[in-house]
Amino acid sequence: MAAAMRVTGAWVQLLTDWLDRENLPAPALRTVLDSRSPADVVPLPLWRDLLQQAVLLRPERLAPGLEIGAMIQPRHVGMLGYLILTCRTLGEAMLAYQRYETLFYGQDMVEVVGQDDQMLVRWPGADSTRGAGGQCGYRGPGQLPAPAGGYTTGANPRCLRLPGPRAVDPGGV
């Protein structure tokens, strides 16, 4: 029997951080958020509900969920976040994520596959938080990051198009 998909209590702290940044009291929401320690297991339906409550506090914003997501720090992902910080390339980070993602979600979901000059990162649709998983392809000769403009979105429009690394001017440092 597969474990139920979940996130950690450390991930829930992301909403507290956003409420603090926005100076939102939200006492009912904060009570639930404060009841979770970083090591707690938080069922995915509860996480979705908490996120929805937070987003509804800023109805005038076009994409408050993206604002919340932009605040993610390694501590929000727990041990997995700090492990990924030790990786030298995006490719290494994605492979580490794949190997240890059960620390975060409670189950293996992502598939990282190297194909020719691309690395594909895929989540099955049934495992996605919205039921519409997908894949993003990252171009690069074996190791990532790739040359400028080398990232693609694959067939899934929900994937982000990421710019390639910028050249560094050694004289300007």
C-alpha atoms as a PDB file:
ATOM      1  CA  MET A   1       0.000   0.000   0.000  1.00  0.00           C
ATOM      2  CA  ALA A   2       1.441   3.369  -1.022  1.00  0.00           C
ATOM      3  CA  ALA A   3       1.908   6.071   1.571  1.00  0.00           C
ATOM      4  CA  ALA A   4      -0.434   9.049   1.347  1.00  0.00           C
ATOM      5  CA  MET A   5       1.142  12.077  -0.270  1.00  0.00           C
ATOM      6  CA  ARG A   6       2.090  14.713   2.274  1.00  0.00           C
ATOM      7  CA  VAL A   7       4.420  17.622   2.979  1.00  0.00           C
ATOM      8  CA  THR A   8       6.377  18.432   6.105  1.00  0.00           C
ATOM      9  CA  GLY A   9       5.634  20.905   8.873  1.00  0.00           C
ATOM     10  CA  ALA A  10       8.696  22.851   7.699  1.00  0.00           C
ATOM     11  CA  TRP A  11       6.892  23.474   4.392  1.00  0.00           C
ATOM     12  CA  VAL A  12       3.865  24.858   6.247  1.00  0.00           C
ATOM     13  CA  GLN A  13       6.159  27.491   7.811  1.00  0.00           C
ATOM     14  CA  LEU A  14       6.265  29.077   4.358  1.00  0.00           C
ATOM     15  CA  LEU A  15       2.708  30.347   4.879  1.00  0.00           C
ATOM     16  CA  THR A  16       3.600  31.835   8.275  1.00  0.00           C
ATOM     17  CA  ASP A  17       6.530  33.634   6.669  1.00  0.00           C
ATOM     18  CA  TRP A  18       4.241  35.031   3.954  1.00  0.00           C
ATOM     19  CA  LEU A  19       1.618  36.154   6.478  1.00  0.00           C
ATOM     20  CA  ASP A  20       4.376  37.934   8.423  1.00  0.00           C
ATOM     21  CA  ARG A  21       5.703  39.644   5.295  1.00  0.00           C
ATOM     22  CA  GLU A  22       2.207  40.786   4.364  1.00  0.00           C
ATOM     23  CA  ASN A  23       1.434  41.902   7.948  1.00  0.00           C
ATOM     24  CA  LEU A  24      -1.712  39.779   7.960  1.00  0.00           C
ATOM     25  CA  PRO A  25      -3.043  38.786  11.402  1.00  0.00           C
ATOM     26  CA  ALA A  26      -5.142  35.790  10.188  1.00  0.00           C
ATOM     27  CA  PRO A  27      -5.537  34.358  13.721  1.00  0.00           C
ATOM     28  CA  ALA A  28      -7.483  31.227  12.725  1.00  0.00           C
ATOM     29  CA  LEU A  29      -4.994  30.315  10.010  1.00  0.00           C
ATOM     30  CA  ARG A  30      -2.003  31.090  12.251  1.00  0.00           C
ATOM     31  CA  THR A  31      -3.402  28.826  14.977  1.00  0.00           C
ATOM     32  CA  VAL A  32      -3.331  25.861  12.614  1.00  0.00           C
ATOM     33  CA  LEU A  33       0.074  26.806  11.176  1.00  0.00           C
ATOM     34  CA  ASP A  34       1.585  27.268  14.638  1.00  0.00           C
ATOM     35  CA  SER A  35       0.368  23.833  15.709  1.00  0.00           C
ATOM     36  CA  ARG A  36       2.779  22.162  13.263  1.00  0.00           C
ATOM     37  CA  SER A  37       6.433  21.527  14.088  1.00  0.00           C
ATOM     38  CA  PRO A  38       8.963  21.200  11.230  1.00  0.00           C
ATOM     39  CA  ALA A  39       9.086  17.400  11.599  1.00  0.00           C
ATOM     40  CA  ASP A  40       5.299  16.933  11.523  1.00  0.00           C
ATOM     41  CA  VAL A  41       3.582  15.142   8.681  1.00  0.00           C
ATOM     42  CA  VAL A  42       1.006  17.376   6.979  1.00  0.00           C
ATOM     43  CA  PRO A  43      -1.463  15.573   4.685  1.00  0.00           C
ATOM     44  CA  LEU A  44      -1.618  17.127   1.234  1.00  0.00           C
ATOM     45  CA  PRO A  45      -5.355  17.966   1.482  1.00  0.00           C
ATOM     46  CA  LEU A  46      -4.660  19.976   4.651  1.00  0.00           C
ATOM     47  CA  TRP A  47      -1.764  21.794   2.901  1.00  0.00           C
ATOM     48  CA  ARG A  48      -4.044  22.664  -0.027  1.00  0.00           C
ATOM     49  CA  ASP A  49      -6.693  23.997   2.366  1.00  0.00           C
ATOM     50  CA  LEU A  50      -4.155  26.131   4.272  1.00  0.00           C
ATOM     51  CA  LEU A  51      -2.722  27.506   1.035  1.00  0.00           C
ATOM     52  CA  GLN A  52      -6.217  28.348  -0.231  1.00  0.00           C
ATOM     53  CA  GLN A  53      -7.031  30.165   3.022  1.00  0.00           C
ATOM     54  CA  ALA A  54      -3.849  32.218   2.688  1.00  0.00           C
ATOM     55  CA  VAL A  55      -4.469  33.078  -0.973  1.00  0.00           C
ATOM     56  CA  LEU A  56      -8.010  34.270  -0.164  1.00  0.00           C
ATOM     57  CA  LEU A  57      -6.524  36.873   2.193  1.00  0.00           C
ATOM     58  CA  ARG A  58      -5.210  38.794  -0.824  1.00  0.00           C
ATOM     59  CA  PRO A  59      -8.054  38.625  -3.388  1.00  0.00           C
ATOM     60  CA  GLU A  60      -6.759  41.726  -5.162  1.00  0.00           C
ATOM     61  CA  ARG A  61      -3.526  39.974  -6.139  1.00  0.00           C
ATOM     62  CA  LEU A  62      -3.323  38.228  -9.482  1.00  0.00           C
ATOM     63  CA  ALA A  63      -1.068  35.394  -8.294  1.00  0.00           C
ATOM     64  CA  PRO A  64      -0.545  35.323  -4.527  1.00  0.00           C
ATOM     65  CA  GLY A  65       0.415  31.649  -4.769  1.00  0.00           C
ATOM     66  CA  LEU A  66       3.413  32.627  -6.888  1.00  0.00           C
ATOM     67  CA  GLU A  67       4.349  35.284  -4.335  1.00  0.00           C
ATOM     68  CA  ILE A  68       4.245  32.628  -1.632  1.00  0.00           C
ATOM     69  CA  GLY A  69       6.279  30.225  -3.753  1.00  0.00           C
ATOM     70  CA  ALA A  70       8.911  32.890  -4.415  1.00  0.00           C
ATOM     71  CA  MET A  71       9.677  32.907  -0.687  1.00  0.00           C
ATOM     72  CA  ILE A  72      10.764  29.244  -0.536  1.00  0.00           C
ATOM     73  CA  GLN A  73      14.032  28.756   1.311  1.00  0.00           C
ATOM     74  CA  PRO A  74      15.980  25.520   1.914  1.00  0.00           C
ATOM     75  CA  ARG A  75      14.632  25.386   5.483  1.00  0.00           C
ATOM     76  CA  HIS A  76      11.099  25.045   4.115  1.00  0.00           C
ATOM     77  CA  VAL A  77      12.067  21.748   2.478  1.00  0.00           C
ATOM     78  CA  GLY A  78      13.899  20.443   5.534  1.00  0.00           C
ATOM     79  CA  MET A  79      16.879  18.133   5.156  1.00  0.00           C
ATOM     80  CA  LEU A  80      16.217  17.771   1.432  1.00  0.00           C
ATOM     81  CA  GLY A  81      16.634  21.528   0.936  1.00  0.00           C
ATOM     82  CA  TYR A  82      20.023  21.564   2.634  1.00  0.00           C
ATOM     83  CA  LEU A  83      21.158  18.429   0.795  1.00  0.00           C
ATOM     84  CA  ILE A  84      20.411  20.067  -2.548  1.00  0.00           C
ATOM     85  CA  LEU A  85      22.498  23.101  -1.536  1.00  0.00           C
ATOM     86  CA  THR A  86      25.571  20.847  -1.531  1.00  0.00           C
ATOM     87  CA  CYS A  87      25.119  19.980  -5.216  1.00  0.00           C
ATOM     88  CA  ARG A  88      27.409  21.631  -7.774  1.00  0.00           C
ATOM     89  CA  THR A  89      25.028  21.544 -10.736  1.00  0.00           C
ATOM     90  CA  LEU A  90      21.301  21.564 -11.398  1.00  0.00           C
ATOM     91  CA  GLY A  91      21.647  18.014 -12.692  1.00  0.00           C
ATOM     92  CA  GLU A  92      23.147  16.831  -9.400  1.00  0.00           C
ATOM     93  CA  ALA A  93      20.429  18.653  -7.480  1.00  0.00           C
ATOM     94  CA  MET A  94      17.656  16.992  -9.497  1.00  0.00           C
ATOM     95  CA  LEU A  95      19.191  13.541  -8.996  1.00  0.00           C
ATOM     96  CA  ALA A  96      19.522  14.180  -5.234  1.00  0.00           C
ATOM     97  CA  TYR A  97      15.924  15.378  -5.167  1.00  0.00           C
ATOM     98  CA  GLN A  98      14.801  12.219  -6.942  1.00  0.00           C
ATOM     99  CA  ARG A  99      16.698   9.973  -4.554  1.00  0.00           C
ATOM    100  CA  TYR A 100      15.448  11.622  -1.350  1.00  0.00           C
ATOM    101  CA  GLU A 101      12.071  13.132  -2.223  1.00  0.00           C
ATOM    102  CA  THR A 102      10.350  10.697   0.127  1.00  0.00           C
ATOM    103  CA  LEU A 103      11.746  12.843   2.955  1.00  0.00           C
ATOM    104  CA  PHE A 104       9.427  15.594   1.752  1.00  0.00           C
ATOM    105  CA  TYR A 105       6.394  14.019   0.064  1.00  0.00           C
ATOM    106  CA  GLY A 106       6.394  10.611   1.771  1.00  0.00           C
ATOM    107  CA  GLN A 107       6.647   8.779  -1.553  1.00  0.00           C
ATOM    108  CA  ASP A 108       8.690   8.613  -4.753  1.00  0.00           C
ATOM    109  CA  MET A 109       7.096  10.519  -7.598  1.00  0.00           C
ATOM    110  CA  VAL A 110       9.601  12.342  -9.771  1.00  0.00           C
ATOM    111  CA  GLU A 111      11.444  10.685 -12.609  1.00  0.00           C
ATOM    112  CA  VAL A 112      14.719  12.243 -13.774  1.00  0.00           C
ATOM    113  CA  VAL A 113      15.887  10.924 -17.147  1.00  0.00           C
ATOM    114  CA  GLY A 114      18.871  11.919 -19.287  1.00  0.00           C
ATOM    115  CA  GLN A 115      18.063  11.822 -22.997  1.00  0.00           C
ATOM    116  CA  ASP A 116      20.706  12.916 -25.482  1.00  0.00           C
ATOM    117  CA  ASP A 117      21.503  16.541 -24.562  1.00  0.00           C
ATOM    118  CA  GLN A 118      18.483  16.953 -22.262  1.00  0.00           C
ATOM    119  CA  MET A 119      17.529  16.055 -18.739  1.00  0.00           C
ATOM    120  CA  LEU A 120      13.816  15.437 -18.299  1.00  0.00           C
ATOM    121  CA  VAL A 121      12.083  15.918 -14.969  1.00  0.00           C
ATOM    122  CA  ARG A 122       8.648  14.273 -14.840  1.00  0.00           C
ATOM    123  CA  TRP A 123       5.864  13.885 -12.298  1.00  0.00           C
ATOM    124  CA  PRO A 124       3.009  11.492 -13.117  1.00  0.00           C
ATOM    125  CA  GLY A 125      -0.355  13.239 -13.484  1.00  0.00           C
ATOM    126  CA  ALA A 126      -1.952  11.189 -10.724  1.00  0.00           C
ATOM    127  CA  ASP A 127       0.708  12.363  -8.243  1.00  0.00           C
ATOM    128  CA  SER A 128       0.540  16.060  -9.052  1.00  0.00           C
ATOM    129  CA  THR A 129      -0.976  18.362  -6.464  1.00  0.00           C
ATOM    130  CA  ARG A 130      -3.517  19.424  -9.094  1.00  0.00           C
ATOM    131  CA  GLY A 131      -3.734  16.104 -10.932  1.00  0.00           C
ATOM    132  CA  ALA A 132      -2.017  17.511 -14.034  1.00  0.00           C
ATOM    133  CA  GLY A 133       1.601  16.435 -13.688  1.00  0.00           C
ATOM    134  CA  GLY A 134       4.011  16.900 -16.490  1.00  0.00           C
ATOM    135  CA  GLN A 135       7.591  17.263 -17.452  1.00  0.00           C
ATOM    136  CA  CYS A 136      10.121  19.916 -18.160  1.00  0.00           C
ATOM    137  CA  GLY A 137      13.162  19.307 -20.294  1.00  0.00           C
ATOM    138  CA  TYR A 138      16.511  20.912 -19.550  1.00  0.00           C
ATOM    139  CA  ARG A 139      19.095  21.001 -22.313  1.00  0.00           C
ATOM    140  CA  GLY A 140      22.700  20.570 -21.436  1.00  0.00           C
ATOM    141  CA  PRO A 141      25.609  18.338 -22.379  1.00  0.00           C
ATOM    142  CA  GLY A 142      25.430  15.906 -19.468  1.00  0.00           C
ATOM    143  CA  GLN A 143      25.622  18.463 -16.680  1.00  0.00           C
ATOM    144  CA  LEU A 144      23.436  21.440 -16.049  1.00  0.00           C
ATOM    145  CA  PRO A 145      23.026  24.401 -16.154  1.00  0.00           C
ATOM    146  CA  ALA A 146      22.863  24.617 -19.907  1.00  0.00           C
ATOM    147  CA  PRO A 147      24.040  27.193 -22.436  1.00  0.00           C
ATOM    148  CA  ALA A 148      22.039  30.430 -22.628  1.00  0.00           C
ATOM    149  CA  GLY A 149      18.567  29.850 -23.986  1.00  0.00           C
ATOM    150  CA  GLY A 150      18.984  26.083 -23.614  1.00  0.00           C
ATOM    151  CA  TYR A 151      16.036  25.390 -21.330  1.00  0.00           C
ATOM    152  CA  THR A 152      12.778  24.187 -22.812  1.00  0.00           C
ATOM    153  CA  THR A 153       9.322  23.602 -21.441  1.00  0.00           C
ATOM    154  CA  GLY A 154       8.770  20.251 -23.110  1.00  0.00           C
ATOM    155  CA  ALA A 155       5.175  19.411 -24.005  1.00  0.00           C
ATOM    156  CA  ASN A 156       3.701  20.704 -20.754  1.00  0.00           C
ATOM    157  CA  PRO A 157       2.780  24.415 -20.731  1.00  0.00           C
ATOM    158  CA  ARG A 158       2.704  24.335 -16.896  1.00  0.00           C
ATOM    159  CA  CYS A 159       6.496  24.076 -16.848  1.00  0.00           C
ATOM    160  CA  LEU A 160       8.522  27.220 -16.446  1.00  0.00           C
ATOM    161  CA  ARG A 161      10.869  28.455 -19.144  1.00  0.00           C
ATOM    162  CA  LEU A 162      14.112  29.225 -17.367  1.00  0.00           C
ATOM    163  CA  PRO A 163      16.846  31.408 -18.837  1.00  0.00           C
ATOM    164  CA  GLY A 164      20.306  29.953 -19.272  1.00  0.00           C
ATOM    165  CA  PRO A 165      23.199  31.194 -17.165  1.00  0.00           C
ATOM    166  CA  ARG A 166      24.674  34.575 -17.983  1.00  0.00           C
ATOM    167  CA  ALA A 167      28.294  34.981 -18.926  1.00  0.00           C
ATOM    168  CA  VAL A 168      30.359  36.480 -16.125  1.00  0.00           C
ATOM    169  CA  ASP A 169      32.749  39.306 -16.931  1.00  0.00           C
ATOM    170  CA  PRO A 170      35.858  38.509 -14.832  1.00  0.00           C
ATOM    171  CA  GLY A 171      36.976  42.131 -15.071  1.00  0.00           C
ATOM    172  CA  GLY A 172      33.696  43.370 -13.598  1.00  0.00           C
ATOM    173  CA  VAL A 173      33.861  41.294 -10.418  1.00  0.00           C
END
